[in-house]
C-alpha atoms as a PDB file:
ATOM      1  CA  MET A   1      91.080 116.019  51.381  1.00  0.00           C
ATOM      2  CA  ASN A   2      93.566 114.603  53.798  1.00  0.00           C
ATOM      3  CA  GLY A   3      93.003 111.128  55.140  1.00  0.00           C
ATOM      4  CA  ILE A   4      90.468 109.966  52.567  1.00  0.00           C
ATOM      5  CA  ASP A   5      91.668 107.262  50.201  1.00  0.00           C
ATOM      6  CA  ARG A   6      89.985 107.877  46.855  1.00  0.00           C
ATOM      7  CA  ASN A   7      90.186 104.205  45.862  1.00  0.00           C
ATOM      8  CA  GLU A   8      88.507 103.080  49.081  1.00  0.00           C
ATOM      9  CA  LEU A   9      85.855 105.742  48.622  1.00  0.00           C
ATOM     10  CA  ASP A  10      85.209 104.527  45.067  1.00  0.00           C
ATOM     11  CA  GLU A  11      84.857 100.948  46.306  1.00  0.00           C
ATOM     12  CA  THR A  12      82.421 102.061  48.984  1.00  0.00           C
ATOM     13  CA  ILE A  13      80.367 103.986  46.424  1.00  0.00           C
ATOM     14  CA  ALA A  14      80.219 100.897  44.213  1.00  0.00           C
ATOM     15  CA  LYS A  15      79.096  98.713  47.138  1.00  0.00           C
ATOM     16  CA  VAL A  16      76.384 101.152  48.175  1.00  0.00           C
ATOM     17  CA  PHE A  17      75.199 101.432  44.567  1.00  0.00           C
ATOM     18  CA  LYS A  18      74.820  97.648  44.478  1.00  0.00           C
ATOM     19  CA  GLU A  19      72.798  97.847  47.686  1.00  0.00           C
ATOM     20  CA  VAL A  20      70.505 100.433  46.080  1.00  0.00           C
ATOM     21  CA  ARG A  21      69.955  98.092  43.131  1.00  0.00           C
ATOM     22  CA  THR A  22      69.225  95.196  45.486  1.00  0.00           C
ATOM     23  CA  ALA A  23      66.742  97.332  47.422  1.00  0.00           C
ATOM     24  CA  VAL A  24      65.011  98.360  44.192  1.00  0.00           C
ATOM     25  CA  ASP A  25      64.833  94.751  43.021  1.00  0.00           C
ATOM     26  CA  SER A  26      63.286  93.695  46.328  1.00  0.00           C
ATOM     27  CA  HIS A  27      60.962  96.728  46.423  1.00  0.00           C
ATOM     28  CA  SER A  28      62.167  97.698  49.896  1.00  0.00           C
ATOM     29  CA  GLU A  29      61.233 101.375  50.244  1.00  0.00           C
ATOM     30  CA  LYS A  30      63.102 101.899  53.537  1.00  0.00           C
ATOM     31  CA  SER A  31      66.286 100.352  52.153  1.00  0.00           C
ATOM     32  CA  ILE A  32      65.987 102.350  48.938  1.00  0.00           C
ATOM     33  CA  GLN A  33      65.760 105.566  50.927  1.00  0.00           C
ATOM     34  CA  MET A  34      68.565 104.673  53.303  1.00  0.00           C
ATOM     35  CA  TYR A  35      71.037 103.568  50.642  1.00  0.00           C
ATOM     36  CA  SER A  36      70.069 106.401  48.302  1.00  0.00           C
ATOM     37  CA  HIS A  37      70.840 108.966  51.007  1.00  0.00           C
ATOM     38  CA  ALA A  38      74.140 107.242  51.737  1.00  0.00           C
ATOM     39  CA  LEU A  39      75.027 107.135  48.045  1.00  0.00           C
ATOM     40  CA  ARG A  40      74.281 110.836  47.599  1.00  0.00           C
ATOM     41  CA  ALA A  41      76.463 111.711  50.578  1.00  0.00           C
ATOM     42  CA  LEU A  42      79.326 109.551  49.322  1.00  0.00           C
ATOM     43  CA  VAL A  43      79.151 111.041  45.826  1.00  0.00           C
ATOM     44  CA  GLU A  44      79.196 114.532  47.319  1.00  0.00           C
ATOM     45  CA  LEU A  45      82.214 113.576  49.432  1.00  0.00           C
ATOM     46  CA  ARG A  46      83.960 112.229  46.346  1.00  0.00           C
ATOM     47  CA  GLN A  47      83.350 115.503  44.512  1.00  0.00           C
ATOM     48  CA  GLN A  48      84.931 117.352  47.431  1.00  0.00           C
ATOM     49  CA  VAL A  49      87.915 114.988  47.424  1.00  0.00           C
ATOM     50  CA  VAL A  50      88.465 115.512  43.709  1.00  0.00           C
ATOM     51  CA  SER A  51      88.100 119.287  44.053  1.00  0.00           C
ATOM     52  CA  GLY A  52      90.601 119.250  46.904  1.00  0.00           C
ATOM     53  CA  GLU A  53      93.080 117.263  44.812  1.00  0.00           C
ATOM     54  CA  ARG A  54      92.739 119.738  41.949  1.00  0.00           C
ATOM     55  CA  SER A  55      93.361 122.728  44.211  1.00  0.00           C
ATOM     56  CA  ASP A  56      96.337 120.994  45.855  1.00  0.00           C
ATOM     57  CA  GLY A  57      97.899 119.938  42.563  1.00  0.00           C
END
């Protein structure tokens, strides 16, 4: 996918994953839901980026 830096996306995924862990540790249901949704969306985006790179290459 044009315009999406895979390294930056990976860093963002790692940061959001850490936020999910923090939310779980603090038992914050709203934060768990919010960061889990964000993480799912980012992982889906990453899959699309990788698929796009494979089809381009």
